[in-house]
Structures are given as structure tokens and as C-alpha cells.
Amino acid sequence: MYAVTFDLDTNCLNENGVNLSKVYSDIRKFMEQHGFKWQQGSVYFGDETINAVTCVATVQILAKQIPCFANCVKDVRMLKIEENNDLMPAIKIVL
């Protein structure tokens, strides 16, 4: 499974008059339309159709379609996740 994670410079967005809620909403909608599921914050997990090439292509298209992403992103990464384990049960054991 592949994931995309990014960090947007909110000062850059504000300086360019970008509505923070709207841009994050637009990014989420775009990612969901391209085979990714929002996980948390700025982390999106790809579905079974996503491979390394489609992951990179999706980020390139995102940068073209949402220019403030390209202009204000501080860090963007593609991750390959071998396992997706929910640790909530481990936390509940100690409570």
C-alpha cells in the first residue's frame, strides 16, 4: 500500500489569500477522486489501484490543479506501507 503525506506552509497560504479550510477540503476531494482515502491530518492511503507510478502522477496532477499546493507545500512524501496495524487495542489494554 502506498501513502502520500504532506505539510503545507500555512503562512504561505495566508499570505496568498488562500482559505485554509477550503484548500484542505479541495485536496481531500481530489485525493479521494484519485484512489486515496483520508487517514488523518495530511495523510492519505492509496487503495489497491495505487502503485508508485500512479502515486507520483497523482501528486503531479494535484500540483497542477491546485496551484497553491505546489506553491506552499513544505514537504511531500510517498510512503510504502507494508502493514497497516491498528494500535488502539494496545492502548485500551493499559487503560
PDB file of N, CA and C in Angstrom:
ATOM      1  N   MET A   1       0.849  -1.174   0.000  1.00  0.00           N
ATOM      2  CA  MET A   1       0.000   0.000   0.000  1.00  0.00           C
ATOM      3  C   MET A   1       0.896   1.238   0.000  1.00  0.00           C
ATOM      4  N   TYR A   2       0.469   2.236  -0.754  1.00  0.00           N
ATOM      5  CA  TYR A   2       1.208   3.496  -0.821  1.00  0.00           C
ATOM      6  C   TYR A   2       0.408   4.599  -0.132  1.00  0.00           C
ATOM      7  N   ALA A   3       1.144   5.554   0.407  1.00  0.00           N
ATOM      8  CA  ALA A   3       0.518   6.693   1.071  1.00  0.00           C
ATOM      9  C   ALA A   3       1.224   7.969   0.630  1.00  0.00           C
ATOM     10  N   VAL A   4       0.494   9.066   0.733  1.00  0.00           N
ATOM     11  CA  VAL A   4       1.052  10.395   0.494  1.00  0.00           C
ATOM     12  C   VAL A   4       0.843  11.195   1.765  1.00  0.00           C
ATOM     13  N   THR A   5       1.890  11.856   2.191  1.00  0.00           N
ATOM     14  CA  THR A   5       1.800  12.749   3.339  1.00  0.00           C
ATOM     15  C   THR A   5       2.462  14.073   2.957  1.00  0.00           C
ATOM     16  N   PHE A   6       1.923  15.159   3.461  1.00  0.00           N
ATOM     17  CA  PHE A   6       2.471  16.466   3.090  1.00  0.00           C
ATOM     18  C   PHE A   6       2.281  17.454   4.225  1.00  0.00           C
ATOM     19  N   ASP A   7       3.038  18.537   4.132  1.00  0.00           N
ATOM     20  CA  ASP A   7       2.957  19.624   5.103  1.00  0.00           C
ATOM     21  C   ASP A   7       2.868  20.926   4.317  1.00  0.00           C
ATOM     22  N   LEU A   8       1.767  21.622   4.487  1.00  0.00           N
ATOM     23  CA  LEU A   8       1.590  22.913   3.816  1.00  0.00           C
ATOM     24  C   LEU A   8       2.027  24.042   4.742  1.00  0.00           C
ATOM     25  N   ASP A   9       2.657  25.041   4.183  1.00  0.00           N
ATOM     26  CA  ASP A   9       3.068  26.228   4.922  1.00  0.00           C
ATOM     27  C   ASP A   9       1.849  27.142   5.048  1.00  0.00           C
ATOM     28  N   THR A  10       1.245  27.151   6.225  1.00  0.00           N
ATOM     29  CA  THR A  10       0.017  27.934   6.412  1.00  0.00           C
ATOM     30  C   THR A  10       0.283  29.434   6.287  1.00  0.00           C
ATOM     31  N   ASN A  11       1.486  29.881   6.639  1.00  0.00           N
ATOM     32  CA  ASN A  11       1.817  31.299   6.444  1.00  0.00           C
ATOM     33  C   ASN A  11       1.792  31.650   4.959  1.00  0.00           C
ATOM     34  N   CYS A  12       2.344  30.776   4.144  1.00  0.00           N
ATOM     35  CA  CYS A  12       2.335  30.980   2.688  1.00  0.00           C
ATOM     36  C   CYS A  12       0.900  31.032   2.168  1.00  0.00           C
ATOM     37  N   LEU A  13       0.079  30.103   2.633  1.00  0.00           N
ATOM     38  CA  LEU A  13      -1.322  30.085   2.196  1.00  0.00           C
ATOM     39  C   LEU A  13      -2.023  31.380   2.589  1.00  0.00           C
ATOM     40  N   ASN A  14      -1.839  31.799   3.851  1.00  0.00           N
ATOM     41  CA  ASN A  14      -2.465  33.034   4.327  1.00  0.00           C
ATOM     42  C   ASN A  14      -1.974  34.248   3.544  1.00  0.00           C
ATOM     43  N   GLU A  15      -0.668  34.313   3.286  1.00  0.00           N
ATOM     44  CA  GLU A  15      -0.090  35.441   2.544  1.00  0.00           C
ATOM     45  C   GLU A  15      -0.636  35.528   1.119  1.00  0.00           C
ATOM     46  N   ASN A  16      -1.062  34.393   0.593  1.00  0.00           N
ATOM     47  CA  ASN A  16      -1.614  34.356  -0.762  1.00  0.00           C
ATOM     48  C   ASN A  16      -3.139  34.385  -0.774  1.00  0.00           C
ATOM     49  N   GLY A  17      -3.732  34.678   0.386  1.00  0.00           N
ATOM     50  CA  GLY A  17      -5.180  34.823   0.470  1.00  0.00           C
ATOM     51  C   GLY A  17      -5.956  33.537   0.291  1.00  0.00           C
ATOM     52  N   VAL A  18      -5.329  32.417   0.613  1.00  0.00           N
ATOM     53  CA  VAL A  18      -5.976  31.114   0.444  1.00  0.00           C
ATOM     54  C   VAL A  18      -6.744  30.756   1.710  1.00  0.00           C
ATOM     55  N   ASN A  19      -7.989  30.350   1.546  1.00  0.00           N
ATOM     56  CA  ASN A  19      -8.811  29.886   2.659  1.00  0.00           C
ATOM     57  C   ASN A  19      -8.327  28.490   3.056  1.00  0.00           C
ATOM     58  N   LEU A  20      -7.809  28.358   4.277  1.00  0.00           N
ATOM     59  CA  LEU A  20      -7.215  27.091   4.712  1.00  0.00           C
ATOM     60  C   LEU A  20      -8.200  25.936   4.668  1.00  0.00           C
ATOM     61  N   SER A  21      -9.387  26.145   5.196  1.00  0.00           N
ATOM     62  CA  SER A  21     -10.385  25.066   5.204  1.00  0.00           C
ATOM     63  C   SER A  21     -10.721  24.618   3.793  1.00  0.00           C
ATOM     64  N   LYS A  22     -10.861  25.584   2.898  1.00  0.00           N
ATOM     65  CA  LYS A  22     -11.222  25.248   1.516  1.00  0.00           C
ATOM     66  C   LYS A  22     -10.112  24.476   0.817  1.00  0.00           C
ATOM     67  N   VAL A  23      -8.861  24.903   0.978  1.00  0.00           N
ATOM     68  CA  VAL A  23      -7.783  24.208   0.272  1.00  0.00           C
ATOM     69  C   VAL A  23      -7.630  22.779   0.787  1.00  0.00           C
ATOM     70  N   TYR A  24      -7.735  22.578   2.098  1.00  0.00           N
ATOM     71  CA  TYR A  24      -7.638  21.210   2.624  1.00  0.00           C
ATOM     72  C   TYR A  24      -8.822  20.367   2.154  1.00  0.00           C
ATOM     73  N   SER A  25      -9.992  20.975   2.078  1.00  0.00           N
ATOM     74  CA  SER A  25     -11.172  20.277   1.567  1.00  0.00           C
ATOM     75  C   SER A  25     -11.002  19.935   0.089  1.00  0.00           C
ATOM     76  N   ASP A  26     -10.483  20.873  -0.687  1.00  0.00           N
ATOM     77  CA  ASP A  26     -10.247  20.632  -2.118  1.00  0.00           C
ATOM     78  C   ASP A  26      -9.226  19.517  -2.331  1.00  0.00           C
ATOM     79  N   ILE A  27      -8.171  19.522  -1.524  1.00  0.00           N
ATOM     80  CA  ILE A  27      -7.151  18.473  -1.632  1.00  0.00           C
ATOM     81  C   ILE A  27      -7.752  17.122  -1.283  1.00  0.00           C
ATOM     82  N   ARG A  28      -8.528  17.087  -0.220  1.00  0.00           N
ATOM     83  CA  ARG A  28      -9.148  15.816   0.189  1.00  0.00           C
ATOM     84  C   ARG A  28     -10.058  15.276  -0.912  1.00  0.00           C
ATOM     85  N   LYS A  29     -10.885  16.144  -1.470  1.00  0.00           N
ATOM     86  CA  LYS A  29     -11.786  15.731  -2.553  1.00  0.00           C
ATOM     87  C   LYS A  29     -10.981  15.202  -3.741  1.00  0.00           C
ATOM     88  N   PHE A  30      -9.932  15.915  -4.114  1.00  0.00           N
ATOM     89  CA  PHE A  30      -9.085  15.487  -5.227  1.00  0.00           C
ATOM     90  C   PHE A  30      -8.478  14.112  -4.948  1.00  0.00           C
ATOM     91  N   MET A  31      -7.899  13.955  -3.774  1.00  0.00           N
ATOM     92  CA  MET A  31      -7.232  12.688  -3.444  1.00  0.00           C
ATOM     93  C   MET A  31      -8.229  11.529  -3.443  1.00  0.00           C
ATOM     94  N   GLU A  32      -9.414  11.761  -2.901  1.00  0.00           N
ATOM     95  CA  GLU A  32     -10.428  10.702  -2.870  1.00  0.00           C
ATOM     96  C   GLU A  32     -10.886  10.331  -4.282  1.00  0.00           C
ATOM     97  N   GLN A  33     -10.913  11.294  -5.182  1.00  0.00           N
ATOM     98  CA  GLN A  33     -11.287  11.021  -6.575  1.00  0.00           C
ATOM     99  C   GLN A  33     -10.186  10.279  -7.333  1.00  0.00           C
ATOM    100  N   HIS A  34      -8.994  10.230  -6.749  1.00  0.00           N
ATOM    101  CA  HIS A  34      -7.853   9.596  -7.410  1.00  0.00           C
ATOM    102  C   HIS A  34      -7.354   8.352  -6.671  1.00  0.00           C
ATOM    103  N   GLY A  35      -8.225   7.707  -5.915  1.00  0.00           N
ATOM    104  CA  GLY A  35      -7.884   6.420  -5.322  1.00  0.00           C
ATOM    105  C   GLY A  35      -7.250   6.459  -3.948  1.00  0.00           C
ATOM    106  N   PHE A  36      -7.325   7.598  -3.280  1.00  0.00           N
ATOM    107  CA  PHE A  36      -6.757   7.713  -1.941  1.00  0.00           C
ATOM    108  C   PHE A  36      -7.857   7.939  -0.915  1.00  0.00           C
ATOM    109  N   LYS A  37      -7.624   7.436   0.271  1.00  0.00           N
ATOM    110  CA  LYS A  37      -8.560   7.621   1.381  1.00  0.00           C
ATOM    111  C   LYS A  37      -7.865   8.458   2.445  1.00  0.00           C
ATOM    112  N   TRP A  38      -8.561   9.477   2.933  1.00  0.00           N
ATOM    113  CA  TRP A  38      -8.011  10.308   4.000  1.00  0.00           C
ATOM    114  C   TRP A  38      -7.844   9.462   5.249  1.00  0.00           C
ATOM    115  N   GLN A  39      -6.670   9.505   5.855  1.00  0.00           N
ATOM    116  CA  GLN A  39      -6.395   8.744   7.066  1.00  0.00           C
ATOM    117  C   GLN A  39      -6.455   9.651   8.287  1.00  0.00           C
ATOM    118  N   GLN A  40      -5.641  10.690   8.278  1.00  0.00           N
ATOM    119  CA  GLN A  40      -5.642  11.689   9.345  1.00  0.00           C
ATOM    120  C   GLN A  40      -4.769  12.861   8.921  1.00  0.00           C
ATOM    121  N   GLY A  41      -5.067  14.040   9.432  1.00  0.00           N
ATOM    122  CA  GLY A  41      -4.257  15.203   9.089  1.00  0.00           C
ATOM    123  C   GLY A  41      -4.052  15.325   7.592  1.00  0.00           C
ATOM    124  N   SER A  42      -2.803  15.330   7.178  1.00  0.00           N
ATOM    125  CA  SER A  42      -2.452  15.410   5.755  1.00  0.00           C
ATOM    126  C   SER A  42      -1.858  14.090   5.279  1.00  0.00           C
ATOM    127  N   VAL A  43      -2.492  13.000   5.682  1.00  0.00           N
ATOM    128  CA  VAL A  43      -2.045  11.648   5.320  1.00  0.00           C
ATOM    129  C   VAL A  43      -3.169  10.949   4.564  1.00  0.00           C
ATOM    130  N   TYR A  44      -2.827  10.439   3.384  1.00  0.00           N
ATOM    131  CA  TYR A  44      -3.789   9.739   2.533  1.00  0.00           C
ATOM    132  C   TYR A  44      -3.224   8.381   2.155  1.00  0.00           C
ATOM    133  N   PHE A  45      -4.025   7.326   2.349  1.00  0.00           N
ATOM    134  CA  PHE A  45      -3.635   5.969   1.974  1.00  0.00           C
ATOM    135  C   PHE A  45      -4.241   5.636   0.621  1.00  0.00           C
ATOM    136  N   GLY A  46      -3.423   5.090  -0.271  1.00  0.00           N
ATOM    137  CA  GLY A  46      -3.905   4.672  -1.575  1.00  0.00           C
ATOM    138  C   GLY A  46      -4.641   3.348  -1.497  1.00  0.00           C
ATOM    139  N   ASP A  47      -5.594   3.155  -2.407  1.00  0.00           N
ATOM    140  CA  ASP A  47      -6.299   1.872  -2.464  1.00  0.00           C
ATOM    141  C   ASP A  47      -5.471   0.885  -3.288  1.00  0.00           C
ATOM    142  N   GLU A  48      -6.064  -0.255  -3.593  1.00  0.00           N
ATOM    143  CA  GLU A  48      -5.330  -1.324  -4.286  1.00  0.00           C
ATOM    144  C   GLU A  48      -4.936  -0.953  -5.716  1.00  0.00           C
ATOM    145  N   THR A  49      -5.501   0.123  -6.256  1.00  0.00           N
ATOM    146  CA  THR A  49      -5.146   0.536  -7.622  1.00  0.00           C
ATOM    147  C   THR A  49      -3.897   1.419  -7.658  1.00  0.00           C
ATOM    148  N   ILE A  50      -3.435   1.858  -6.503  1.00  0.00           N
ATOM    149  CA  ILE A  50      -2.324   2.803  -6.441  1.00  0.00           C
ATOM    150  C   ILE A  50      -0.992   2.063  -6.350  1.00  0.00           C
ATOM    151  N   ASN A  51      -0.093   2.412  -7.259  1.00  0.00           N
ATOM    152  CA  ASN A  51       1.278   1.909  -7.193  1.00  0.00           C
ATOM    153  C   ASN A  51       2.209   3.124  -7.171  1.00  0.00           C
ATOM    154  N   ALA A  52       3.511   2.893  -7.205  1.00  0.00           N
ATOM    155  CA  ALA A  52       4.454   4.008  -7.103  1.00  0.00           C
ATOM    156  C   ALA A  52       4.255   5.031  -8.226  1.00  0.00           C
ATOM    157  N   VAL A  53       4.016   4.555  -9.429  1.00  0.00           N
ATOM    158  CA  VAL A  53       3.862   5.462 -10.577  1.00  0.00           C
ATOM    159  C   VAL A  53       2.582   6.283 -10.456  1.00  0.00           C
ATOM    160  N   THR A  54       1.467   5.634 -10.135  1.00  0.00           N
ATOM    161  CA  THR A  54       0.206   6.378 -10.015  1.00  0.00           C
ATOM    162  C   THR A  54       0.243   7.326  -8.824  1.00  0.00           C
ATOM    163  N   CYS A  55       0.987   6.963  -7.800  1.00  0.00           N
ATOM    164  CA  CYS A  55       1.127   7.831  -6.631  1.00  0.00           C
ATOM    165  C   CYS A  55       1.839   9.131  -7.024  1.00  0.00           C
ATOM    166  N   VAL A  56       2.957   9.007  -7.709  1.00  0.00           N
ATOM    167  CA  VAL A  56       3.705  10.187  -8.162  1.00  0.00           C
ATOM    168  C   VAL A  56       2.863  11.009  -9.138  1.00  0.00           C
ATOM    169  N   ALA A  57       2.217  10.347 -10.073  1.00  0.00           N
ATOM    170  CA  ALA A  57       1.390  11.055 -11.056  1.00  0.00           C
ATOM    171  C   ALA A  57       0.261  11.822 -10.376  1.00  0.00           C
ATOM    172  N   THR A  58      -0.337  11.231  -9.357  1.00  0.00           N
ATOM    173  CA  THR A  58      -1.422  11.895  -8.631  1.00  0.00           C
ATOM    174  C   THR A  58      -0.932  13.182  -7.986  1.00  0.00           C
ATOM    175  N   VAL A  59       0.243  13.146  -7.368  1.00  0.00           N
ATOM    176  CA  VAL A  59       0.788  14.349  -6.731  1.00  0.00           C
ATOM    177  C   VAL A  59       1.121  15.406  -7.786  1.00  0.00           C
ATOM    178  N   GLN A  60       1.617  14.991  -8.939  1.00  0.00           N
ATOM    179  CA  GLN A  60       1.908  15.950 -10.011  1.00  0.00           C
ATOM    180  C   GLN A  60       0.630  16.613 -10.522  1.00  0.00           C
ATOM    181  N   ILE A  61      -0.412  15.829 -10.694  1.00  0.00           N
ATOM    182  CA  ILE A  61      -1.693  16.384 -11.156  1.00  0.00           C
ATOM    183  C   ILE A  61      -2.278  17.303 -10.091  1.00  0.00           C
ATOM    184  N   LEU A  62      -2.174  16.897  -8.830  1.00  0.00           N
ATOM    185  CA  LEU A  62      -2.638  17.733  -7.717  1.00  0.00           C
ATOM    186  C   LEU A  62      -1.947  19.094  -7.764  1.00  0.00           C
ATOM    187  N   ALA A  63      -0.641  19.091  -7.963  1.00  0.00           N
ATOM    188  CA  ALA A  63       0.123  20.343  -8.005  1.00  0.00           C
ATOM    189  C   ALA A  63      -0.319  21.236  -9.162  1.00  0.00           C
ATOM    190  N   LYS A  64      -0.716  20.636 -10.275  1.00  0.00           N
ATOM    191  CA  LYS A  64      -1.192  21.430 -11.420  1.00  0.00           C
ATOM    192  C   LYS A  64      -2.603  21.955 -11.196  1.00  0.00           C
ATOM    193  N   GLN A  65      -3.465  21.116 -10.612  1.00  0.00           N
ATOM    194  CA  GLN A  65      -4.869  21.504 -10.452  1.00  0.00           C
ATOM    195  C   GLN A  65      -5.103  22.414  -9.253  1.00  0.00           C
ATOM    196  N   ILE A  66      -4.261  22.317  -8.247  1.00  0.00           N
ATOM    197  CA  ILE A  66      -4.392  23.171  -7.060  1.00  0.00           C
ATOM    198  C   ILE A  66      -3.051  23.882  -6.886  1.00  0.00           C
ATOM    199  N   PRO A  67      -2.849  24.989  -7.606  1.00  0.00           N
ATOM    200  CA  PRO A  67      -1.542  25.660  -7.629  1.00  0.00           C
ATOM    201  C   PRO A  67      -1.009  26.054  -6.254  1.00  0.00           C
ATOM    202  N   CYS A  68      -1.887  26.405  -5.320  1.00  0.00           N
ATOM    203  CA  CYS A  68      -1.386  26.792  -4.002  1.00  0.00           C
ATOM    204  C   CYS A  68      -0.724  25.607  -3.300  1.00  0.00           C
ATOM    205  N   PHE A  69      -1.078  24.379  -3.684  1.00  0.00           N
ATOM    206  CA  PHE A  69      -0.390  23.206  -3.138  1.00  0.00           C
ATOM    207  C   PHE A  69       1.073  23.253  -3.568  1.00  0.00           C
ATOM    208  N   ALA A  70       1.313  23.429  -4.846  1.00  0.00           N
ATOM    209  CA  ALA A  70       2.690  23.471  -5.359  1.00  0.00           C
ATOM    210  C   ALA A  70       3.465  24.649  -4.784  1.00  0.00           C
ATOM    211  N   ASN A  71       2.799  25.788  -4.636  1.00  0.00           N
ATOM    212  CA  ASN A  71       3.473  26.996  -4.161  1.00  0.00           C
ATOM    213  C   ASN A  71       3.769  26.979  -2.670  1.00  0.00           C
ATOM    214  N   CYS A  72       2.957  26.285  -1.888  1.00  0.00           N
ATOM    215  CA  CYS A  72       3.068  26.388  -0.432  1.00  0.00           C
ATOM    216  C   CYS A  72       3.386  25.075   0.279  1.00  0.00           C
ATOM    217  N   VAL A  73       3.627  23.999  -0.461  1.00  0.00           N
ATOM    218  CA  VAL A  73       3.952  22.740   0.207  1.00  0.00           C
ATOM    219  C   VAL A  73       5.407  22.806   0.694  1.00  0.00           C
ATOM    220  N   LYS A  74       5.615  22.461   1.977  1.00  0.00           N
ATOM    221  CA  LYS A  74       6.964  22.455   2.552  1.00  0.00           C
ATOM    222  C   LYS A  74       7.609  21.085   2.423  1.00  0.00           C
ATOM    223  N   ASP A  75       6.788  20.059   2.451  1.00  0.00           N
ATOM    224  CA  ASP A  75       7.295  18.694   2.395  1.00  0.00           C
ATOM    225  C   ASP A  75       6.183  17.804   1.861  1.00  0.00           C
ATOM    226  N   VAL A  76       6.523  16.911   0.962  1.00  0.00           N
ATOM    227  CA  VAL A  76       5.549  15.942   0.456  1.00  0.00           C
ATOM    228  C   VAL A  76       6.304  14.640   0.236  1.00  0.00           C
ATOM    229  N   ARG A  77       5.717  13.544   0.714  1.00  0.00           N
ATOM    230  CA  ARG A  77       6.390  12.250   0.647  1.00  0.00           C
ATOM    231  C   ARG A  77       5.440  11.154   0.205  1.00  0.00           C
ATOM    232  N   MET A  78       6.029  10.187  -0.481  1.00  0.00           N
ATOM    233  CA  MET A  78       5.326   8.958  -0.817  1.00  0.00           C
ATOM    234  C   MET A  78       5.891   7.891   0.106  1.00  0.00           C
ATOM    235  N   LEU A  79       5.013   7.161   0.755  1.00  0.00           N
ATOM    236  CA  LEU A  79       5.430   6.094   1.655  1.00  0.00           C
ATOM    237  C   LEU A  79       4.890   4.766   1.155  1.00  0.00           C
ATOM    238  N   LYS A  80       5.680   3.725   1.313  1.00  0.00           N
ATOM    239  CA  LYS A  80       5.198   2.379   1.028  1.00  0.00           C
ATOM    240  C   LYS A  80       4.958   1.709   2.379  1.00  0.00           C
ATOM    241  N   ILE A  81       3.717   1.330   2.607  1.00  0.00           N
ATOM    242  CA  ILE A  81       3.322   0.746   3.888  1.00  0.00           C
ATOM    243  C   ILE A  81       3.141  -0.752   3.691  1.00  0.00           C
ATOM    244  N   GLU A  82       3.922  -1.530   4.420  1.00  0.00           N
ATOM    245  CA  GLU A  82       3.825  -2.981   4.283  1.00  0.00           C
ATOM    246  C   GLU A  82       2.692  -3.553   5.123  1.00  0.00           C
ATOM    247  N   GLU A  83       2.446  -2.950   6.270  1.00  0.00           N
ATOM    248  CA  GLU A  83       1.350  -3.397   7.125  1.00  0.00           C
ATOM    249  C   GLU A  83       0.644  -2.182   7.693  1.00  0.00           C
ATOM    250  N   ASN A  84      -0.641  -2.315   7.901  1.00  0.00           N
ATOM    251  CA  ASN A  84      -1.440  -1.254   8.497  1.00  0.00           C
ATOM    252  C   ASN A  84      -2.092  -1.843   9.738  1.00  0.00           C
ATOM    253  N   ASN A  85      -1.444  -1.660  10.872  1.00  0.00           N
ATOM    254  CA  ASN A  85      -1.923  -2.251  12.117  1.00  0.00           C
ATOM    255  C   ASN A  85      -2.517  -1.187  13.027  1.00  0.00           C
ATOM    256  N   ASP A  86      -3.719  -1.431  13.484  1.00  0.00           N
ATOM    257  CA  ASP A  86      -4.413  -0.538  14.406  1.00  0.00           C
ATOM    258  C   ASP A  86      -3.882  -0.787  15.814  1.00  0.00           C
ATOM    259  N   LEU A  87      -3.299   0.225  16.429  1.00  0.00           N
ATOM    260  CA  LEU A  87      -2.750   0.090  17.777  1.00  0.00           C
ATOM    261  C   LEU A  87      -3.722   0.501  18.874  1.00  0.00           C
ATOM    262  N   MET A  88      -4.934   0.889  18.513  1.00  0.00           N
ATOM    263  CA  MET A  88      -5.913   1.281  19.535  1.00  0.00           C
ATOM    264  C   MET A  88      -6.180   0.162  20.541  1.00  0.00           C
ATOM    265  N   PRO A  89      -6.301  -1.102  20.145  1.00  0.00           N
ATOM    266  CA  PRO A  89      -6.500  -2.162  21.141  1.00  0.00           C
ATOM    267  C   PRO A  89      -5.358  -2.228  22.159  1.00  0.00           C
ATOM    268  N   ALA A  90      -4.135  -1.943  21.734  1.00  0.00           N
ATOM    269  CA  ALA A  90      -2.997  -1.957  22.654  1.00  0.00           C
ATOM    270  C   ALA A  90      -3.119  -0.845  23.689  1.00  0.00           C
ATOM    271  N   ILE A  91      -3.638   0.300  23.269  1.00  0.00           N
ATOM    272  CA  ILE A  91      -3.828   1.407  24.205  1.00  0.00           C
ATOM    273  C   ILE A  91      -4.949   1.091  25.178  1.00  0.00           C
ATOM    274  N   LYS A  92      -6.028   0.496  24.685  1.00  0.00           N
ATOM    275  CA  LYS A  92      -7.171   0.175  25.550  1.00  0.00           C
ATOM    276  C   LYS A  92      -6.806  -0.832  26.625  1.00  0.00           C
ATOM    277  N   ILE A  93      -5.838  -1.694  26.343  1.00  0.00           N
ATOM    278  CA  ILE A  93      -5.410  -2.685  27.338  1.00  0.00           C
ATOM    279  C   ILE A  93      -4.825  -2.003  28.566  1.00  0.00           C
ATOM    280  N   VAL A  94      -4.113  -0.903  28.384  1.00  0.00           N
ATOM    281  CA  VAL A  94      -3.447  -0.247  29.509  1.00  0.00           C
ATOM    282  C   VAL A  94      -4.356   0.722  30.261  1.00  0.00           C
ATOM    283  N   LEU A  95      -5.536   0.957  29.757  1.00  0.00           N
ATOM    284  CA  LEU A  95      -6.461   1.890  30.437  1.00  0.00           C
ATOM    285  C   LEU A  95      -7.247   1.217  31.523  1.00  0.00           C
TER     286      LEU A  95
END
